[in-house]
Amino acid sequence: MAADMNDPYWVSDMLSKEFTRQGLRVAEQLRRAADQVERKASSISVDRTTGMPDHNRTAADILGEINSFHGNLSTSNLLTAAADADRHVRNPEAPNGR
């Protein structure tokens, strides 16, 4: 294992795998957020006082889901993985690709 860490191709492969893992994590977060938005859009709120559909409340709920998603989405790991992989490809002999 330690010998592999000195092989630029092995390191590049590991960095690519980490980048892919982070990209897939973002995709999963997007799917969960889309499911929540779909649920809210498919179940229009009803105003308790009138019994009528409350599209404004539902729109606010959908926007709340989107805002929550944006607040919870960490893209820094994806960007770090991409930067590390690209640095290594440009200069595989440097420590940590730098």
PDB file of N, CA and C in Angstrom:
ATOM      1  N   MET A   1       0.824  -1.193   0.000  1.00  0.00           N
ATOM      2  CA  MET A   1       0.000   0.000   0.000  1.00  0.00           C
ATOM      3  C   MET A   1       0.867   1.255   0.000  1.00  0.00           C
ATOM      4  N   ALA A   2       1.880   1.307   0.861  1.00  0.00           N
ATOM      5  CA  ALA A   2       2.749   2.485   0.931  1.00  0.00           C
ATOM      6  C   ALA A   2       3.486   2.680  -0.384  1.00  0.00           C
ATOM      7  N   ALA A   3       3.887   1.572  -1.014  1.00  0.00           N
ATOM      8  CA  ALA A   3       4.576   1.681  -2.306  1.00  0.00           C
ATOM      9  C   ALA A   3       3.651   2.257  -3.364  1.00  0.00           C
ATOM     10  N   ASP A   4       2.377   1.881  -3.293  1.00  0.00           N
ATOM     11  CA  ASP A   4       1.407   2.414  -4.252  1.00  0.00           C
ATOM     12  C   ASP A   4       1.296   3.925  -4.154  1.00  0.00           C
ATOM     13  N   MET A   5       1.449   4.449  -2.948  1.00  0.00           N
ATOM     14  CA  MET A   5       1.290   5.886  -2.744  1.00  0.00           C
ATOM     15  C   MET A   5       2.372   6.696  -3.452  1.00  0.00           C
ATOM     16  N   ASN A   6       3.447   6.055  -3.831  1.00  0.00           N
ATOM     17  CA  ASN A   6       4.503   6.732  -4.576  1.00  0.00           C
ATOM     18  C   ASN A   6       4.294   6.646  -6.080  1.00  0.00           C
ATOM     19  N   ASP A   7       3.325   5.880  -6.494  1.00  0.00           N
ATOM     20  CA  ASP A   7       3.034   5.719  -7.928  1.00  0.00           C
ATOM     21  C   ASP A   7       2.067   6.814  -8.366  1.00  0.00           C
ATOM     22  N   PRO A   8       2.511   7.725  -9.236  1.00  0.00           N
ATOM     23  CA  PRO A   8       1.638   8.832  -9.665  1.00  0.00           C
ATOM     24  C   PRO A   8       0.328   8.358 -10.290  1.00  0.00           C
ATOM     25  N   TYR A   9       0.348   7.232 -10.973  1.00  0.00           N
ATOM     26  CA  TYR A   9      -0.885   6.722 -11.601  1.00  0.00           C
ATOM     27  C   TYR A   9      -1.873   6.241 -10.546  1.00  0.00           C
ATOM     28  N   TRP A  10      -1.352   5.578  -9.516  1.00  0.00           N
ATOM     29  CA  TRP A  10      -2.216   5.117  -8.417  1.00  0.00           C
ATOM     30  C   TRP A  10      -2.835   6.320  -7.711  1.00  0.00           C
ATOM     31  N   VAL A  11      -2.016   7.316  -7.414  1.00  0.00           N
ATOM     32  CA  VAL A  11      -2.513   8.523  -6.743  1.00  0.00           C
ATOM     33  C   VAL A  11      -3.565   9.198  -7.600  1.00  0.00           C
ATOM     34  N   SER A  12      -3.295   9.322  -8.883  1.00  0.00           N
ATOM     35  CA  SER A  12      -4.255   9.947  -9.801  1.00  0.00           C
ATOM     36  C   SER A  12      -5.571   9.182  -9.808  1.00  0.00           C
ATOM     37  N   ASP A  13      -5.482   7.858  -9.818  1.00  0.00           N
ATOM     38  CA  ASP A  13      -6.686   7.026  -9.800  1.00  0.00           C
ATOM     39  C   ASP A  13      -7.471   7.236  -8.506  1.00  0.00           C
ATOM     40  N   MET A  14      -6.775   7.296  -7.378  1.00  0.00           N
ATOM     41  CA  MET A  14      -7.444   7.508  -6.083  1.00  0.00           C
ATOM     42  C   MET A  14      -8.106   8.888  -6.042  1.00  0.00           C
ATOM     43  N   LEU A  15      -7.437   9.906  -6.563  1.00  0.00           N
ATOM     44  CA  LEU A  15      -8.012  11.249  -6.583  1.00  0.00           C
ATOM     45  C   LEU A  15      -9.239  11.300  -7.488  1.00  0.00           C
ATOM     46  N   SER A  16      -9.179  10.599  -8.615  1.00  0.00           N
ATOM     47  CA  SER A  16     -10.340  10.542  -9.509  1.00  0.00           C
ATOM     48  C   SER A  16     -11.513   9.845  -8.842  1.00  0.00           C
ATOM     49  N   LYS A  17     -11.227   8.786  -8.104  1.00  0.00           N
ATOM     50  CA  LYS A  17     -12.290   8.073  -7.388  1.00  0.00           C
ATOM     51  C   LYS A  17     -12.933   8.962  -6.332  1.00  0.00           C
ATOM     52  N   GLU A  18     -12.115   9.739  -5.619  1.00  0.00           N
ATOM     53  CA  GLU A  18     -12.664  10.639  -4.601  1.00  0.00           C
ATOM     54  C   GLU A  18     -13.523  11.714  -5.263  1.00  0.00           C
ATOM     55  N   PHE A  19     -13.067  12.248  -6.385  1.00  0.00           N
ATOM     56  CA  PHE A  19     -13.865  13.243  -7.109  1.00  0.00           C
ATOM     57  C   PHE A  19     -15.209  12.641  -7.514  1.00  0.00           C
ATOM     58  N   THR A  20     -15.186  11.426  -8.048  1.00  0.00           N
ATOM     59  CA  THR A  20     -16.429  10.756  -8.453  1.00  0.00           C
ATOM     60  C   THR A  20     -17.342  10.536  -7.257  1.00  0.00           C
ATOM     61  N   ARG A  21     -16.774  10.121  -6.130  1.00  0.00           N
ATOM     62  CA  ARG A  21     -17.558   9.906  -4.910  1.00  0.00           C
ATOM     63  C   ARG A  21     -18.240  11.201  -4.477  1.00  0.00           C
ATOM     64  N   GLN A  22     -17.520  12.291  -4.529  1.00  0.00           N
ATOM     65  CA  GLN A  22     -18.099  13.580  -4.137  1.00  0.00           C
ATOM     66  C   GLN A  22     -19.182  14.019  -5.125  1.00  0.00           C
ATOM     67  N   GLY A  23     -18.950  13.803  -6.412  1.00  0.00           N
ATOM     68  CA  GLY A  23     -19.974  14.139  -7.405  1.00  0.00           C
ATOM     69  C   GLY A  23     -21.249  13.342  -7.207  1.00  0.00           C
ATOM     70  N   LEU A  24     -21.105  12.062  -6.893  1.00  0.00           N
ATOM     71  CA  LEU A  24     -22.268  11.216  -6.641  1.00  0.00           C
ATOM     72  C   LEU A  24     -23.004  11.639  -5.371  1.00  0.00           C
ATOM     73  N   ARG A  25     -22.263  12.118  -4.373  1.00  0.00           N
ATOM     74  CA  ARG A  25     -22.877  12.624  -3.141  1.00  0.00           C
ATOM     75  C   ARG A  25     -23.745  13.842  -3.452  1.00  0.00           C
ATOM     76  N   VAL A  26     -23.237  14.744  -4.293  1.00  0.00           N
ATOM     77  CA  VAL A  26     -24.021  15.919  -4.684  1.00  0.00           C
ATOM     78  C   VAL A  26     -25.270  15.484  -5.448  1.00  0.00           C
ATOM     79  N   ALA A  27     -25.125  14.503  -6.347  1.00  0.00           N
ATOM     80  CA  ALA A  27     -26.276  14.010  -7.114  1.00  0.00           C
ATOM     81  C   ALA A  27     -27.343  13.443  -6.183  1.00  0.00           C
ATOM     82  N   GLU A  28     -26.921  12.726  -5.146  1.00  0.00           N
ATOM     83  CA  GLU A  28     -27.885  12.168  -4.190  1.00  0.00           C
ATOM     84  C   GLU A  28     -28.601  13.290  -3.445  1.00  0.00           C
ATOM     85  N   GLN A  29     -27.878  14.325  -3.064  1.00  0.00           N
ATOM     86  CA  GLN A  29     -28.510  15.459  -2.399  1.00  0.00           C
ATOM     87  C   GLN A  29     -29.531  16.130  -3.325  1.00  0.00           C
ATOM     88  N   LEU A  30     -29.183  16.250  -4.601  1.00  0.00           N
ATOM     89  CA  LEU A  30     -30.112  16.830  -5.576  1.00  0.00           C
ATOM     90  C   LEU A  30     -31.375  15.980  -5.701  1.00  0.00           C
ATOM     91  N   ARG A  31     -31.206  14.649  -5.743  1.00  0.00           N
ATOM     92  CA  ARG A  31     -32.370  13.760  -5.854  1.00  0.00           C
ATOM     93  C   ARG A  31     -33.283  13.882  -4.634  1.00  0.00           C
ATOM     94  N   ARG A  32     -32.682  13.927  -3.442  1.00  0.00           N
ATOM     95  CA  ARG A  32     -33.495  14.068  -2.231  1.00  0.00           C
ATOM     96  C   ARG A  32     -34.264  15.380  -2.242  1.00  0.00           C
ATOM     97  N   ALA A  33     -33.590  16.459  -2.647  1.00  0.00           N
ATOM     98  CA  ALA A  33     -34.270  17.762  -2.708  1.00  0.00           C
ATOM     99  C   ALA A  33     -35.380  17.732  -3.751  1.00  0.00           C
ATOM    100  N   ALA A  34     -35.132  17.114  -4.896  1.00  0.00           N
ATOM    101  CA  ALA A  34     -36.155  17.026  -5.942  1.00  0.00           C
ATOM    102  C   ALA A  34     -37.359  16.220  -5.451  1.00  0.00           C
ATOM    103  N   ASP A  35     -37.109  15.154  -4.712  1.00  0.00           N
ATOM    104  CA  ASP A  35     -38.217  14.361  -4.153  1.00  0.00           C
ATOM    105  C   ASP A  35     -39.065  15.200  -3.203  1.00  0.00           C
ATOM    106  N   GLN A  36     -38.407  15.984  -2.367  1.00  0.00           N
ATOM    107  CA  GLN A  36     -39.137  16.834  -1.429  1.00  0.00           C
ATOM    108  C   GLN A  36     -39.971  17.876  -2.184  1.00  0.00           C
ATOM    109  N   VAL A  37     -39.397  18.490  -3.190  1.00  0.00           N
ATOM    110  CA  VAL A  37     -40.124  19.490  -3.981  1.00  0.00           C
ATOM    111  C   VAL A  37     -41.295  18.833  -4.695  1.00  0.00           C
ATOM    112  N   GLU A  38     -41.078  17.648  -5.247  1.00  0.00           N
ATOM    113  CA  GLU A  38     -42.153  16.935  -5.935  1.00  0.00           C
ATOM    114  C   GLU A  38     -43.296  16.614  -4.969  1.00  0.00           C
ATOM    115  N   ARG A  39     -42.959  16.168  -3.758  1.00  0.00           N
ATOM    116  CA  ARG A  39     -43.996  15.871  -2.761  1.00  0.00           C
ATOM    117  C   ARG A  39     -44.803  17.117  -2.422  1.00  0.00           C
ATOM    118  N   LYS A  40     -44.115  18.221  -2.215  1.00  0.00           N
ATOM    119  CA  LYS A  40     -44.819  19.465  -1.884  1.00  0.00           C
ATOM    120  C   LYS A  40     -45.702  19.912  -3.050  1.00  0.00           C
ATOM    121  N   ALA A  41     -45.183  19.839  -4.276  1.00  0.00           N
ATOM    122  CA  ALA A  41     -45.941  20.278  -5.450  1.00  0.00           C
ATOM    123  C   ALA A  41     -47.139  19.379  -5.729  1.00  0.00           C
ATOM    124  N   SER A  42     -47.033  18.123  -5.351  1.00  0.00           N
ATOM    125  CA  SER A  42     -48.117  17.171  -5.605  1.00  0.00           C
ATOM    126  C   SER A  42     -49.189  17.178  -4.523  1.00  0.00           C
ATOM    127  N   SER A  43     -48.935  17.894  -3.447  1.00  0.00           N
ATOM    128  CA  SER A  43     -49.870  17.916  -2.329  1.00  0.00           C
ATOM    129  C   SER A  43     -50.108  19.371  -1.929  1.00  0.00           C
ATOM    130  N   ILE A  44     -50.953  20.030  -2.672  1.00  0.00           N
ATOM    131  CA  ILE A  44     -51.212  21.449  -2.432  1.00  0.00           C
ATOM    132  C   ILE A  44     -51.870  21.629  -1.068  1.00  0.00           C
ATOM    133  N   SER A  45     -51.312  22.554  -0.306  1.00  0.00           N
ATOM    134  CA  SER A  45     -51.851  22.859   1.030  1.00  0.00           C
ATOM    135  C   SER A  45     -53.279  23.367   0.924  1.00  0.00           C
ATOM    136  N   VAL A  46     -54.030  23.145   1.995  1.00  0.00           N
ATOM    137  CA  VAL A  46     -55.405  23.636   2.062  1.00  0.00           C
ATOM    138  C   VAL A  46     -55.475  24.670   3.180  1.00  0.00           C
ATOM    139  N   ASP A  47     -56.064  25.810   2.868  1.00  0.00           N
ATOM    140  CA  ASP A  47     -56.258  26.860   3.871  1.00  0.00           C
ATOM    141  C   ASP A  47     -57.241  26.348   4.918  1.00  0.00           C
ATOM    142  N   ARG A  48     -56.866  26.403   6.175  1.00  0.00           N
ATOM    143  CA  ARG A  48     -57.698  25.850   7.253  1.00  0.00           C
ATOM    144  C   ARG A  48     -58.986  26.640   7.472  1.00  0.00           C
ATOM    145  N   THR A  49     -58.945  27.910   7.162  1.00  0.00           N
ATOM    146  CA  THR A  49     -60.149  28.721   7.422  1.00  0.00           C
ATOM    147  C   THR A  49     -61.161  28.632   6.291  1.00  0.00           C
ATOM    148  N   THR A  50     -60.670  28.495   5.037  1.00  0.00           N
ATOM    149  CA  THR A  50     -61.601  28.474   3.908  1.00  0.00           C
ATOM    150  C   THR A  50     -61.785  27.088   3.317  1.00  0.00           C
ATOM    151  N   GLY A  51     -60.820  26.199   3.569  1.00  0.00           N
ATOM    152  CA  GLY A  51     -60.875  24.870   2.967  1.00  0.00           C
ATOM    153  C   GLY A  51     -60.475  24.876   1.499  1.00  0.00           C
ATOM    154  N   MET A  52     -60.008  26.021   1.000  1.00  0.00           N
ATOM    155  CA  MET A  52     -59.608  26.161  -0.403  1.00  0.00           C
ATOM    156  C   MET A  52     -58.116  25.846  -0.552  1.00  0.00           C
ATOM    157  N   PRO A  53     -57.732  25.412  -1.760  1.00  0.00           N
ATOM    158  CA  PRO A  53     -56.303  25.180  -2.004  1.00  0.00           C
ATOM    159  C   PRO A  53     -55.509  26.471  -1.763  1.00  0.00           C
ATOM    160  N   ASP A  54     -54.374  26.326  -1.114  1.00  0.00           N
ATOM    161  CA  ASP A  54     -53.514  27.471  -0.808  1.00  0.00           C
ATOM    162  C   ASP A  54     -52.209  27.324  -1.591  1.00  0.00           C
ATOM    163  N   HIS A  55     -52.253  27.803  -2.830  1.00  0.00           N
ATOM    164  CA  HIS A  55     -51.093  27.679  -3.704  1.00  0.00           C
ATOM    165  C   HIS A  55     -49.918  28.517  -3.211  1.00  0.00           C
ATOM    166  N   ASN A  56     -50.203  29.662  -2.600  1.00  0.00           N
ATOM    167  CA  ASN A  56     -49.126  30.493  -2.073  1.00  0.00           C
ATOM    168  C   ASN A  56     -48.375  29.772  -0.952  1.00  0.00           C
ATOM    169  N   ARG A  57     -49.098  29.112  -0.064  1.00  0.00           N
ATOM    170  CA  ARG A  57     -48.462  28.359   1.023  1.00  0.00           C
ATOM    171  C   ARG A  57     -47.619  27.228   0.447  1.00  0.00           C
ATOM    172  N   THR A  58     -48.166  26.546  -0.556  1.00  0.00           N
ATOM    173  CA  THR A  58     -47.425  25.448  -1.177  1.00  0.00           C
ATOM    174  C   THR A  58     -46.170  25.973  -1.866  1.00  0.00           C
ATOM    175  N   ALA A  59     -46.289  27.095  -2.563  1.00  0.00           N
ATOM    176  CA  ALA A  59     -45.111  27.688  -3.218  1.00  0.00           C
ATOM    177  C   ALA A  59     -44.058  28.051  -2.170  1.00  0.00           C
ATOM    178  N   ALA A  60     -44.504  28.609  -1.048  1.00  0.00           N
ATOM    179  CA  ALA A  60     -43.567  28.955   0.028  1.00  0.00           C
ATOM    180  C   ALA A  60     -42.888  27.696   0.577  1.00  0.00           C
ATOM    181  N   ASP A  61     -43.653  26.608   0.708  1.00  0.00           N
ATOM    182  CA  ASP A  61     -43.072  25.340   1.172  1.00  0.00           C
ATOM    183  C   ASP A  61     -42.034  24.817   0.186  1.00  0.00           C
ATOM    184  N   ILE A  62     -42.332  24.918  -1.099  1.00  0.00           N
ATOM    185  CA  ILE A  62     -41.386  24.468  -2.132  1.00  0.00           C
ATOM    186  C   ILE A  62     -40.122  25.312  -2.081  1.00  0.00           C
ATOM    187  N   LEU A  63     -40.289  26.626  -2.002  1.00  0.00           N
ATOM    188  CA  LEU A  63     -39.121  27.505  -1.918  1.00  0.00           C
ATOM    189  C   LEU A  63     -38.324  27.233  -0.644  1.00  0.00           C
ATOM    190  N   GLY A  64     -39.016  26.890   0.433  1.00  0.00           N
ATOM    191  CA  GLY A  64     -38.335  26.517   1.669  1.00  0.00           C
ATOM    192  C   GLY A  64     -37.470  25.279   1.481  1.00  0.00           C
ATOM    193  N   GLU A  65     -37.987  24.300   0.749  1.00  0.00           N
ATOM    194  CA  GLU A  65     -37.203  23.086   0.466  1.00  0.00           C
ATOM    195  C   GLU A  65     -35.970  23.423  -0.367  1.00  0.00           C
ATOM    196  N   ILE A  66     -36.158  24.277  -1.363  1.00  0.00           N
ATOM    197  CA  ILE A  66     -35.029  24.670  -2.221  1.00  0.00           C
ATOM    198  C   ILE A  66     -33.986  25.422  -1.398  1.00  0.00           C
ATOM    199  N   ASN A  67     -34.435  26.353  -0.566  1.00  0.00           N
ATOM    200  CA  ASN A  67     -33.495  27.113   0.262  1.00  0.00           C
ATOM    201  C   ASN A  67     -32.772  26.214   1.253  1.00  0.00           C
ATOM    202  N   SER A  68     -33.489  25.269   1.821  1.00  0.00           N
ATOM    203  CA  SER A  68     -32.873  24.324   2.746  1.00  0.00           C
ATOM    204  C   SER A  68     -31.823  23.491   2.021  1.00  0.00           C
ATOM    205  N   PHE A  69     -32.141  23.072   0.815  1.00  0.00           N
ATOM    206  CA  PHE A  69     -31.194  22.296   0.017  1.00  0.00           C
ATOM    207  C   PHE A  69     -29.924  23.100  -0.227  1.00  0.00           C
ATOM    208  N   HIS A  70     -30.090  24.355  -0.644  1.00  0.00           N
ATOM    209  CA  HIS A  70     -28.913  25.186  -0.911  1.00  0.00           C
ATOM    210  C   HIS A  70     -28.073  25.357   0.347  1.00  0.00           C
ATOM    211  N   GLY A  71     -28.732  25.523   1.484  1.00  0.00           N
ATOM    212  CA  GLY A  71     -28.003  25.705   2.733  1.00  0.00           C
ATOM    213  C   GLY A  71     -27.262  24.457   3.180  1.00  0.00           C
ATOM    214  N   ASN A  72     -27.775  23.284   2.826  1.00  0.00           N
ATOM    215  CA  ASN A  72     -27.165  22.028   3.260  1.00  0.00           C
ATOM    216  C   ASN A  72     -26.212  21.427   2.232  1.00  0.00           C
ATOM    217  N   LEU A  73     -26.205  21.967   1.024  1.00  0.00           N
ATOM    218  CA  LEU A  73     -25.362  21.402  -0.027  1.00  0.00           C
ATOM    219  C   LEU A  73     -23.931  21.879   0.147  1.00  0.00           C
ATOM    220  N   SER A  74     -23.054  20.959   0.425  1.00  0.00           N
ATOM    221  CA  SER A  74     -21.640  21.292   0.560  1.00  0.00           C
ATOM    222  C   SER A  74     -20.932  20.945  -0.737  1.00  0.00           C
ATOM    223  N   THR A  75     -20.570  21.970  -1.481  1.00  0.00           N
ATOM    224  CA  THR A  75     -19.847  21.739  -2.727  1.00  0.00           C
ATOM    225  C   THR A  75     -18.341  21.863  -2.524  1.00  0.00           C
ATOM    226  N   SER A  76     -17.928  22.293  -1.345  1.00  0.00           N
ATOM    227  CA  SER A  76     -16.490  22.496  -1.134  1.00  0.00           C
ATOM    228  C   SER A  76     -15.709  21.192  -1.258  1.00  0.00           C
ATOM    229  N   ASN A  77     -16.278  20.075  -0.805  1.00  0.00           N
ATOM    230  CA  ASN A  77     -15.576  18.791  -0.931  1.00  0.00           C
ATOM    231  C   ASN A  77     -15.405  18.407  -2.393  1.00  0.00           C
ATOM    232  N   LEU A  78     -16.418  18.674  -3.204  1.00  0.00           N
ATOM    233  CA  LEU A  78     -16.318  18.371  -4.630  1.00  0.00           C
ATOM    234  C   LEU A  78     -15.241  19.234  -5.275  1.00  0.00           C
ATOM    235  N   LEU A  79     -15.244  20.512  -4.965  1.00  0.00           N
ATOM    236  CA  LEU A  79     -14.251  21.416  -5.546  1.00  0.00           C
ATOM    237  C   LEU A  79     -12.842  21.085  -5.070  1.00  0.00           C
ATOM    238  N   THR A  80     -12.691  20.710  -3.811  1.00  0.00           N
ATOM    239  CA  THR A  80     -11.381  20.314  -3.290  1.00  0.00           C
ATOM    240  C   THR A  80     -10.883  19.055  -3.993  1.00  0.00           C
ATOM    241  N   ALA A  81     -11.774  18.078  -4.159  1.00  0.00           N
ATOM    242  CA  ALA A  81     -11.390  16.835  -4.847  1.00  0.00           C
ATOM    243  C   ALA A  81     -10.978  17.120  -6.289  1.00  0.00           C
ATOM    244  N   ALA A  82     -11.707  18.006  -6.956  1.00  0.00           N
ATOM    245  CA  ALA A  82     -11.369  18.354  -8.346  1.00  0.00           C
ATOM    246  C   ALA A  82     -10.017  19.062  -8.404  1.00  0.00           C
ATOM    247  N   ALA A  83      -9.800  20.011  -7.506  1.00  0.00           N
ATOM    248  CA  ALA A  83      -8.532  20.753  -7.498  1.00  0.00           C
ATOM    249  C   ALA A  83      -7.358  19.823  -7.216  1.00  0.00           C
ATOM    250  N   ASP A  84      -7.499  18.924  -6.241  1.00  0.00           N
ATOM    251  CA  ASP A  84      -6.432  17.981  -5.922  1.00  0.00           C
ATOM    252  C   ASP A  84      -6.115  17.085  -7.115  1.00  0.00           C
ATOM    253  N   ALA A  85      -7.154  16.576  -7.753  1.00  0.00           N
ATOM    254  CA  ALA A  85      -6.946  15.696  -8.907  1.00  0.00           C
ATOM    255  C   ALA A  85      -6.271  16.451 -10.050  1.00  0.00           C
ATOM    256  N   ASP A  86      -6.722  17.668 -10.334  1.00  0.00           N
ATOM    257  CA  ASP A  86      -6.125  18.440 -11.420  1.00  0.00           C
ATOM    258  C   ASP A  86      -4.678  18.820 -11.128  1.00  0.00           C
ATOM    259  N   ARG A  87      -4.392  19.219  -9.879  1.00  0.00           N
ATOM    260  CA  ARG A  87      -3.008  19.550  -9.526  1.00  0.00           C
ATOM    261  C   ARG A  87      -2.116  18.338  -9.714  1.00  0.00           C
ATOM    262  N   HIS A  88      -2.600  17.175  -9.310  1.00  0.00           N
ATOM    263  CA  HIS A  88      -1.784  15.969  -9.437  1.00  0.00           C
ATOM    264  C   HIS A  88      -1.521  15.629 -10.906  1.00  0.00           C
ATOM    265  N   VAL A  89      -2.537  15.779 -11.737  1.00  0.00           N
ATOM    266  CA  VAL A  89      -2.358  15.467 -13.164  1.00  0.00           C
ATOM    267  C   VAL A  89      -1.330  16.408 -13.779  1.00  0.00           C
ATOM    268  N   ARG A  90      -1.347  17.679 -13.375  1.00  0.00           N
ATOM    269  CA  ARG A  90      -0.399  18.650 -13.936  1.00  0.00           C
ATOM    270  C   ARG A  90       1.024  18.425 -13.422  1.00  0.00           C
ATOM    271  N   ASN A  91       1.156  17.976 -12.168  1.00  0.00           N
ATOM    272  CA  ASN A  91       2.479  17.803 -11.579  1.00  0.00           C
ATOM    273  C   ASN A  91       2.474  16.605 -10.638  1.00  0.00           C
ATOM    274  N   PRO A  92       2.489  15.388 -11.185  1.00  0.00           N
ATOM    275  CA  PRO A  92       2.359  14.179 -10.352  1.00  0.00           C
ATOM    276  C   PRO A  92       3.542  13.934  -9.415  1.00  0.00           C
ATOM    277  N   GLU A  93       4.685  14.525  -9.685  1.00  0.00           N
ATOM    278  CA  GLU A  93       5.857  14.278  -8.843  1.00  0.00           C
ATOM    279  C   GLU A  93       5.889  15.158  -7.605  1.00  0.00           C
ATOM    280  N   ALA A  94       5.149  16.244  -7.606  1.00  0.00           N
ATOM    281  CA  ALA A  94       5.146  17.150  -6.462  1.00  0.00           C
ATOM    282  C   ALA A  94       4.354  16.514  -5.307  1.00  0.00           C
ATOM    283  N   PRO A  95       4.753  16.807  -4.056  1.00  0.00           N
ATOM    284  CA  PRO A  95       3.973  16.293  -2.930  1.00  0.00           C
ATOM    285  C   PRO A  95       2.557  16.820  -2.987  1.00  0.00           C
ATOM    286  N   ASN A  96       1.592  15.952  -2.875  1.00  0.00           N
ATOM    287  CA  ASN A  96       0.176  16.309  -2.954  1.00  0.00           C
ATOM    288  C   ASN A  96      -0.169  17.004  -4.261  1.00  0.00           C
ATOM    289  N   GLY A  97       0.629  16.810  -5.290  1.00  0.00           N
ATOM    290  CA  GLY A  97       0.350  17.412  -6.594  1.00  0.00           C
ATOM    291  C   GLY A  97       0.576  18.913  -6.626  1.00  0.00           C
ATOM    292  N   ARG A  98       1.258  19.472  -5.626  1.00  0.00           N
ATOM    293  CA  ARG A  98       1.449  20.937  -5.553  1.00  0.00           C
ATOM    294  C   ARG A  98       2.854  21.330  -5.889  1.00  0.00           C
TER     295      ARG A  98
END
